[in-house]
């Protein structure tokens, strides 16, 4: 049982790495220091959850939740 969970754990780790690498950077760099333009009122910022980027963020959150659950299961005393 522990071996199967470990294999699934490694697969989830690879999926998390892939999902994080696919996401866009949220860093504006030094442009934000000089008062760069805010995207609070744009169409993109209002509908970000329905876009591909929003789906990647949701998938990453789900994968991390699975990762944490598997980590707890693997480290518990109840799984042999």
PDB file of N, CA and C in Angstrom:
ATOM      1  N   UNK A   1       0.829  -1.192   0.000  1.00  0.00           N
ATOM      2  CA  UNK A   1       0.000   0.000   0.000  1.00  0.00           C
ATOM      3  C   UNK A   1       0.877   1.261   0.000  1.00  0.00           C
ATOM      4  N   UNK A   2       1.918   1.229   0.823  1.00  0.00           N
ATOM      5  CA  UNK A   2       2.798   2.389   0.910  1.00  0.00           C
ATOM      6  C   UNK A   2       3.555   2.610  -0.399  1.00  0.00           C
ATOM      7  N   UNK A   3       3.899   1.527  -1.074  1.00  0.00           N
ATOM      8  CA  UNK A   3       4.599   1.642  -2.348  1.00  0.00           C
ATOM      9  C   UNK A   3       3.708   2.278  -3.404  1.00  0.00           C
ATOM     10  N   UNK A   4       2.444   1.880  -3.436  1.00  0.00           N
ATOM     11  CA  UNK A   4       1.508   2.460  -4.400  1.00  0.00           C
ATOM     12  C   UNK A   4       1.293   3.945  -4.131  1.00  0.00           C
ATOM     13  N   UNK A   5       1.167   4.312  -2.854  1.00  0.00           N
ATOM     14  CA  UNK A   5       1.007   5.722  -2.505  1.00  0.00           C
ATOM     15  C   UNK A   5       2.252   6.531  -2.860  1.00  0.00           C
ATOM     16  N   UNK A   6       3.418   5.933  -2.700  1.00  0.00           N
ATOM     17  CA  UNK A   6       4.654   6.617  -3.040  1.00  0.00           C
ATOM     18  C   UNK A   6       4.753   6.864  -4.546  1.00  0.00           C
ATOM     19  N   UNK A   7       4.344   5.896  -5.340  1.00  0.00           N
ATOM     20  CA  UNK A   7       4.349   6.060  -6.800  1.00  0.00           C
ATOM     21  C   UNK A   7       3.379   7.167  -7.209  1.00  0.00           C
ATOM     22  N   UNK A   8       2.182   7.166  -6.634  1.00  0.00           N
ATOM     23  CA  UNK A   8       1.203   8.213  -6.927  1.00  0.00           C
ATOM     24  C   UNK A   8       1.744   9.567  -6.475  1.00  0.00           C
ATOM     25  N   UNK A   9       2.417   9.599  -5.332  1.00  0.00           N
ATOM     26  CA  UNK A   9       3.020  10.818  -4.793  1.00  0.00           C
ATOM     27  C   UNK A   9       4.035  11.403  -5.774  1.00  0.00           C
ATOM     28  N   UNK A  10       4.871  10.560  -6.350  1.00  0.00           N
ATOM     29  CA  UNK A  10       5.884  11.007  -7.308  1.00  0.00           C
ATOM     30  C   UNK A  10       5.222  11.533  -8.577  1.00  0.00           C
ATOM     31  N   UNK A  11       4.156  10.883  -9.025  1.00  0.00           N
ATOM     32  CA  UNK A  11       3.433  11.345 -10.213  1.00  0.00           C
ATOM     33  C   UNK A  11       2.801  12.708  -9.951  1.00  0.00           C
ATOM     34  N   UNK A  12       2.207  12.881  -8.776  1.00  0.00           N
ATOM     35  CA  UNK A  12       1.604  14.169  -8.424  1.00  0.00           C
ATOM     36  C   UNK A  12       2.685  15.251  -8.339  1.00  0.00           C
ATOM     37  N   UNK A  13       3.863  14.917  -7.834  1.00  0.00           N
ATOM     38  CA  UNK A  13       4.972  15.874  -7.787  1.00  0.00           C
ATOM     39  C   UNK A  13       5.342  16.344  -9.197  1.00  0.00           C
ATOM     40  N   UNK A  14       5.411  15.417 -10.139  1.00  0.00           N
ATOM     41  CA  UNK A  14       5.736  15.774 -11.521  1.00  0.00           C
ATOM     42  C   UNK A  14       4.639  16.645 -12.131  1.00  0.00           C
ATOM     43  N   UNK A  15       3.377  16.336 -11.822  1.00  0.00           N
ATOM     44  CA  UNK A  15       2.259  17.132 -12.338  1.00  0.00           C
ATOM     45  C   UNK A  15       2.312  18.553 -11.781  1.00  0.00           C
ATOM     46  N   UNK A  16       2.625  18.697 -10.493  1.00  0.00           N
ATOM     47  CA  UNK A  16       2.739  20.025  -9.894  1.00  0.00           C
ATOM     48  C   UNK A  16       3.857  20.821 -10.566  1.00  0.00           C
ATOM     49  N   UNK A  17       4.986  20.195 -10.796  1.00  0.00           N
ATOM     50  CA  UNK A  17       6.100  20.884 -11.466  1.00  0.00           C
ATOM     51  C   UNK A  17       5.676  21.360 -12.849  1.00  0.00           C
ATOM     52  N   UNK A  18       4.997  20.515 -13.596  1.00  0.00           N
ATOM     53  CA  UNK A  18       4.532  20.872 -14.937  1.00  0.00           C
ATOM     54  C   UNK A  18       3.546  22.038 -14.884  1.00  0.00           C
ATOM     55  N   UNK A  19       2.576  21.973 -13.968  1.00  0.00           N
ATOM     56  CA  UNK A  19       1.564  23.024 -13.875  1.00  0.00           C
ATOM     57  C   UNK A  19       2.164  24.365 -13.466  1.00  0.00           C
ATOM     58  N   UNK A  20       3.111  24.343 -12.558  1.00  0.00           N
ATOM     59  CA  UNK A  20       3.747  25.590 -12.123  1.00  0.00           C
ATOM     60  C   UNK A  20       4.564  26.195 -13.261  1.00  0.00           C
ATOM     61  N   UNK A  21       5.246  25.369 -14.017  1.00  0.00           N
ATOM     62  CA  UNK A  21       6.042  25.878 -15.129  1.00  0.00           C
ATOM     63  C   UNK A  21       5.175  26.422 -16.260  1.00  0.00           C
ATOM     64  N   UNK A  22       3.948  25.945 -16.393  1.00  0.00           N
ATOM     65  CA  UNK A  22       3.048  26.423 -17.443  1.00  0.00           C
ATOM     66  C   UNK A  22       2.405  27.767 -17.117  1.00  0.00           C
ATOM     67  N   UNK A  23       2.418  28.162 -15.865  1.00  0.00           N
ATOM     68  CA  UNK A  23       1.746  29.397 -15.467  1.00  0.00           C
ATOM     69  C   UNK A  23       2.564  30.622 -15.829  1.00  0.00           C
ATOM     70  N   UNK A  24       1.835  31.734 -16.063  1.00  0.00           N
ATOM     71  CA  UNK A  24       2.489  33.000 -16.338  1.00  0.00           C
ATOM     72  C   UNK A  24       3.051  33.588 -15.054  1.00  0.00           C
ATOM     73  N   UNK A  25       4.057  34.412 -15.208  1.00  0.00           N
ATOM     74  CA  UNK A  25       4.635  35.096 -14.063  1.00  0.00           C
ATOM     75  C   UNK A  25       3.706  36.218 -13.618  1.00  0.00           C
ATOM     76  N   UNK A  26       3.519  36.345 -12.320  1.00  0.00           N
ATOM     77  CA  UNK A  26       2.687  37.416 -11.793  1.00  0.00           C
ATOM     78  C   UNK A  26       3.527  38.612 -11.359  1.00  0.00           C
ATOM     79  N   UNK A  27       4.788  38.578 -11.665  1.00  0.00           N
ATOM     80  CA  UNK A  27       5.716  39.624 -11.262  1.00  0.00           C
ATOM     81  C   UNK A  27       5.795  40.692 -12.352  1.00  0.00           C
ATOM     82  N   UNK A  28       5.608  41.947 -11.967  1.00  0.00           N
ATOM     83  CA  UNK A  28       5.713  43.045 -12.917  1.00  0.00           C
ATOM     84  C   UNK A  28       7.127  43.596 -12.999  1.00  0.00           C
ATOM     85  N   UNK A  29       7.997  43.085 -12.202  1.00  0.00           N
ATOM     86  CA  UNK A  29       9.370  43.550 -12.211  1.00  0.00           C
ATOM     87  C   UNK A  29       9.484  44.951 -11.636  1.00  0.00           C
ATOM     88  N   UNK A  30      10.406  45.732 -12.157  1.00  0.00           N
ATOM     89  CA  UNK A  30      10.633  47.080 -11.653  1.00  0.00           C
ATOM     90  C   UNK A  30       9.571  48.058 -12.138  1.00  0.00           C
ATOM     91  N   UNK A  31       8.753  47.679 -13.089  1.00  0.00           N
ATOM     92  CA  UNK A  31       7.697  48.553 -13.590  1.00  0.00           C
ATOM     93  C   UNK A  31       6.664  48.875 -12.537  1.00  0.00           C
ATOM     94  N   UNK A  32       6.490  47.991 -11.576  1.00  0.00           N
ATOM     95  CA  UNK A  32       5.509  48.242 -10.520  1.00  0.00           C
ATOM     96  C   UNK A  32       6.000  49.295  -9.531  1.00  0.00           C
ATOM     97  N   UNK A  33       7.307  49.514  -9.440  1.00  0.00           N
ATOM     98  CA  UNK A  33       7.839  50.523  -8.531  1.00  0.00           C
ATOM     99  C   UNK A  33       7.546  51.945  -9.015  1.00  0.00           C
ATOM    100  N   UNK A  34       7.517  52.129 -10.315  1.00  0.00           N
ATOM    101  CA  UNK A  34       7.324  53.465 -10.883  1.00  0.00           C
ATOM    102  C   UNK A  34       5.853  53.778 -11.109  1.00  0.00           C
ATOM    103  N   UNK A  35       4.984  53.000 -10.509  1.00  0.00           N
ATOM    104  CA  UNK A  35       3.553  53.267 -10.678  1.00  0.00           C
ATOM    105  C   UNK A  35       3.024  52.737 -11.990  1.00  0.00           C
ATOM    106  N   UNK A  36       3.367  51.520 -12.315  1.00  0.00           N
ATOM    107  CA  UNK A  36       2.906  50.912 -13.552  1.00  0.00           C
ATOM    108  C   UNK A  36       1.394  50.816 -13.600  1.00  0.00           C
ATOM    109  N   UNK A  37       0.874  50.565 -14.768  1.00  0.00           N
ATOM    110  CA  UNK A  37      -0.574  50.542 -14.943  1.00  0.00           C
ATOM    111  C   UNK A  37      -1.186  49.381 -14.187  1.00  0.00           C
ATOM    112  N   UNK A  38      -2.319  49.631 -13.605  1.00  0.00           N
ATOM    113  CA  UNK A  38      -3.045  48.619 -12.864  1.00  0.00           C
ATOM    114  C   UNK A  38      -3.996  47.897 -13.802  1.00  0.00           C
ATOM    115  N   UNK A  39      -4.105  46.591 -13.630  1.00  0.00           N
ATOM    116  CA  UNK A  39      -5.003  45.814 -14.489  1.00  0.00           C
ATOM    117  C   UNK A  39      -6.294  45.477 -13.757  1.00  0.00           C
ATOM    118  N   UNK A  40      -6.671  46.300 -12.782  1.00  0.00           N
ATOM    119  CA  UNK A  40      -7.845  45.997 -11.974  1.00  0.00           C
ATOM    120  C   UNK A  40      -9.144  46.163 -12.748  1.00  0.00           C
ATOM    121  N   UNK A  41      -9.159  47.003 -13.792  1.00  0.00           N
ATOM    122  CA  UNK A  41     -10.395  47.286 -14.507  1.00  0.00           C
ATOM    123  C   UNK A  41     -10.449  46.670 -15.896  1.00  0.00           C
ATOM    124  N   UNK A  42      -9.523  45.845 -16.247  1.00  0.00           N
ATOM    125  CA  UNK A  42      -9.515  45.290 -17.594  1.00  0.00           C
ATOM    126  C   UNK A  42     -10.411  44.062 -17.685  1.00  0.00           C
ATOM    127  N   UNK A  43     -10.768  43.721 -18.896  1.00  0.00           N
ATOM    128  CA  UNK A  43     -11.580  42.531 -19.139  1.00  0.00           C
ATOM    129  C   UNK A  43     -10.840  41.285 -18.677  1.00  0.00           C
ATOM    130  N   UNK A  44      -9.543  41.256 -18.922  1.00  0.00           N
ATOM    131  CA  UNK A  44      -8.722  40.098 -18.555  1.00  0.00           C
ATOM    132  C   UNK A  44      -8.749  39.853 -17.050  1.00  0.00           C
ATOM    133  N   UNK A  45      -8.620  40.914 -16.261  1.00  0.00           N
ATOM    134  CA  UNK A  45      -8.575  40.722 -14.810  1.00  0.00           C
ATOM    135  C   UNK A  45      -9.938  40.330 -14.253  1.00  0.00           C
ATOM    136  N   UNK A  46     -11.010  40.763 -14.888  1.00  0.00           N
ATOM    137  CA  UNK A  46     -12.344  40.423 -14.399  1.00  0.00           C
ATOM    138  C   UNK A  46     -12.732  38.985 -14.746  1.00  0.00           C
ATOM    139  N   UNK A  47     -12.199  38.434 -15.823  1.00  0.00           N
ATOM    140  CA  UNK A  47     -12.566  37.090 -16.281  1.00  0.00           C
ATOM    141  C   UNK A  47     -11.396  36.120 -16.221  1.00  0.00           C
ATOM    142  N   UNK A  48     -10.458  36.372 -15.345  1.00  0.00           N
ATOM    143  CA  UNK A  48      -9.259  35.539 -15.265  1.00  0.00           C
ATOM    144  C   UNK A  48      -9.569  34.107 -14.833  1.00  0.00           C
ATOM    145  N   UNK A  49     -10.583  33.922 -13.996  1.00  0.00           N
ATOM    146  CA  UNK A  49     -10.919  32.587 -13.509  1.00  0.00           C
ATOM    147  C   UNK A  49     -11.440  31.664 -14.584  1.00  0.00           C
ATOM    148  N   UNK A  50     -11.975  32.218 -15.655  1.00  0.00           N
ATOM    149  CA  UNK A  50     -12.524  31.405 -16.745  1.00  0.00           C
ATOM    150  C   UNK A  50     -11.521  31.147 -17.857  1.00  0.00           C
ATOM    151  N   UNK A  51     -10.342  31.708 -17.747  1.00  0.00           N
ATOM    152  CA  UNK A  51      -9.344  31.582 -18.796  1.00  0.00           C
ATOM    153  C   UNK A  51      -8.475  30.338 -18.578  1.00  0.00           C
ATOM    154  N   UNK A  52      -7.572  30.138 -19.507  1.00  0.00           N
ATOM    155  CA  UNK A  52      -6.624  29.024 -19.391  1.00  0.00           C
ATOM    156  C   UNK A  52      -5.753  29.196 -18.146  1.00  0.00           C
ATOM    157  N   UNK A  53      -5.356  30.435 -17.877  1.00  0.00           N
ATOM    158  CA  UNK A  53      -4.531  30.707 -16.693  1.00  0.00           C
ATOM    159  C   UNK A  53      -5.297  30.392 -15.416  1.00  0.00           C
ATOM    160  N   UNK A  54      -6.572  30.724 -15.387  1.00  0.00           N
ATOM    161  CA  UNK A  54      -7.394  30.422 -14.221  1.00  0.00           C
ATOM    162  C   UNK A  54      -7.533  28.931 -13.996  1.00  0.00           C
ATOM    163  N   UNK A  55      -7.664  28.186 -15.086  1.00  0.00           N
ATOM    164  CA  UNK A  55      -7.762  26.730 -14.975  1.00  0.00           C
ATOM    165  C   UNK A  55      -6.445  26.122 -14.489  1.00  0.00           C
ATOM    166  N   UNK A  56      -5.319  26.699 -14.921  1.00  0.00           N
ATOM    167  CA  UNK A  56      -4.026  26.211 -14.442  1.00  0.00           C
ATOM    168  C   UNK A  56      -3.857  26.460 -12.943  1.00  0.00           C
ATOM    169  N   UNK A  57      -4.312  27.615 -12.478  1.00  0.00           N
ATOM    170  CA  UNK A  57      -4.232  27.922 -11.052  1.00  0.00           C
ATOM    171  C   UNK A  57      -5.106  26.963 -10.247  1.00  0.00           C
ATOM    172  N   UNK A  58      -6.311  26.692 -10.750  1.00  0.00           N
ATOM    173  CA  UNK A  58      -7.211  25.757 -10.069  1.00  0.00           C
ATOM    174  C   UNK A  58      -6.626  24.346 -10.056  1.00  0.00           C
ATOM    175  N   UNK A  59      -6.090  23.903 -11.181  1.00  0.00           N
ATOM    176  CA  UNK A  59      -5.492  22.564 -11.253  1.00  0.00           C
ATOM    177  C   UNK A  59      -4.287  22.454 -10.324  1.00  0.00           C
ATOM    178  N   UNK A  60      -3.504  23.514 -10.227  1.00  0.00           N
ATOM    179  CA  UNK A  60      -2.354  23.509  -9.323  1.00  0.00           C
ATOM    180  C   UNK A  60      -2.806  23.417  -7.873  1.00  0.00           C
ATOM    181  N   UNK A  61      -3.850  24.148  -7.529  1.00  0.00           N
ATOM    182  CA  UNK A  61      -4.370  24.098  -6.159  1.00  0.00           C
ATOM    183  C   UNK A  61      -4.867  22.699  -5.804  1.00  0.00           C
ATOM    184  N   UNK A  62      -5.568  22.067  -6.727  1.00  0.00           N
ATOM    185  CA  UNK A  62      -6.072  20.711  -6.490  1.00  0.00           C
ATOM    186  C   UNK A  62      -4.912  19.728  -6.362  1.00  0.00           C
ATOM    187  N   UNK A  63      -3.915  19.861  -7.233  1.00  0.00           N
ATOM    188  CA  UNK A  63      -2.759  18.955  -7.178  1.00  0.00           C
ATOM    189  C   UNK A  63      -1.987  19.125  -5.874  1.00  0.00           C
ATOM    190  N   UNK A  64      -1.865  20.351  -5.395  1.00  0.00           N
ATOM    191  CA  UNK A  64      -1.157  20.582  -4.127  1.00  0.00           C
ATOM    192  C   UNK A  64      -1.947  19.997  -2.960  1.00  0.00           C
ATOM    193  N   UNK A  65      -3.272  20.091  -3.010  1.00  0.00           N
ATOM    194  CA  UNK A  65      -4.094  19.491  -1.959  1.00  0.00           C
ATOM    195  C   UNK A  65      -3.918  17.971  -1.942  1.00  0.00           C
ATOM    196  N   UNK A  66      -3.897  17.358  -3.116  1.00  0.00           N
ATOM    197  CA  UNK A  66      -3.668  15.912  -3.216  1.00  0.00           C
ATOM    198  C   UNK A  66      -2.270  15.567  -2.707  1.00  0.00           C
ATOM    199  N   UNK A  67      -1.294  16.392  -3.066  1.00  0.00           N
ATOM    200  CA  UNK A  67       0.085  16.204  -2.611  1.00  0.00           C
ATOM    201  C   UNK A  67       0.166  16.193  -1.083  1.00  0.00           C
ATOM    202  N   UNK A  68      -0.480  17.170  -0.449  1.00  0.00           N
ATOM    203  CA  UNK A  68      -0.445  17.246   1.012  1.00  0.00           C
ATOM    204  C   UNK A  68      -1.159  16.065   1.654  1.00  0.00           C
ATOM    205  N   UNK A  69      -2.283  15.666   1.088  1.00  0.00           N
ATOM    206  CA  UNK A  69      -3.006  14.508   1.607  1.00  0.00           C
ATOM    207  C   UNK A  69      -2.168  13.235   1.493  1.00  0.00           C
ATOM    208  N   UNK A  70      -1.531  13.042   0.353  1.00  0.00           N
ATOM    209  CA  UNK A  70      -0.677  11.864   0.180  1.00  0.00           C
ATOM    210  C   UNK A  70       0.522  11.898   1.121  1.00  0.00           C
ATOM    211  N   UNK A  71       1.101  13.088   1.329  1.00  0.00           N
ATOM    212  CA  UNK A  71       2.233  13.202   2.243  1.00  0.00           C
ATOM    213  C   UNK A  71       1.826  12.807   3.661  1.00  0.00           C
ATOM    214  N   UNK A  72       0.639  13.244   4.070  1.00  0.00           N
ATOM    215  CA  UNK A  72       0.142  12.861   5.403  1.00  0.00           C
ATOM    216  C   UNK A  72      -0.133  11.363   5.484  1.00  0.00           C
ATOM    217  N   UNK A  73      -0.714  10.804   4.428  1.00  0.00           N
ATOM    218  CA  UNK A  73      -1.005   9.364   4.436  1.00  0.00           C
ATOM    219  C   UNK A  73       0.268   8.527   4.473  1.00  0.00           C
ATOM    220  N   UNK A  74       1.257   8.933   3.681  1.00  0.00           N
ATOM    221  CA  UNK A  74       2.507   8.168   3.622  1.00  0.00           C
ATOM    222  C   UNK A  74       3.236   8.219   4.971  1.00  0.00           C
ATOM    223  N   UNK A  75       3.184   9.362   5.619  1.00  0.00           N
ATOM    224  CA  UNK A  75       3.909   9.499   6.884  1.00  0.00           C
ATOM    225  C   UNK A  75       3.136   8.979   8.096  1.00  0.00           C
ATOM    226  N   UNK A  76       1.888   8.604   7.912  1.00  0.00           N
ATOM    227  CA  UNK A  76       1.105   8.130   9.049  1.00  0.00           C
ATOM    228  C   UNK A  76       1.484   6.704   9.441  1.00  0.00           C
ATOM    229  N   UNK A  77       1.107   6.332  10.624  1.00  0.00           N
ATOM    230  CA  UNK A  77       1.401   4.999  11.145  1.00  0.00           C
ATOM    231  C   UNK A  77       0.403   3.951  10.637  1.00  0.00           C
ATOM    232  N   UNK A  78      -0.705   4.409  10.082  1.00  0.00           N
ATOM    233  CA  UNK A  78      -1.781   3.495   9.708  1.00  0.00           C
ATOM    234  C   UNK A  78      -1.572   2.818   8.344  1.00  0.00           C
ATOM    235  N   UNK A  79      -0.691   3.375   7.519  1.00  0.00           N
ATOM    236  CA  UNK A  79      -0.439   2.803   6.195  1.00  0.00           C
ATOM    237  C   UNK A  79       0.828   1.950   6.266  1.00  0.00           C
ATOM    238  N   UNK A  80       0.713   0.694   5.879  1.00  0.00           N
ATOM    239  CA  UNK A  80       1.883  -0.202   5.903  1.00  0.00           C
ATOM    240  C   UNK A  80       2.482  -0.345   4.554  1.00  0.00           C
TER     241      UNK A  80
END
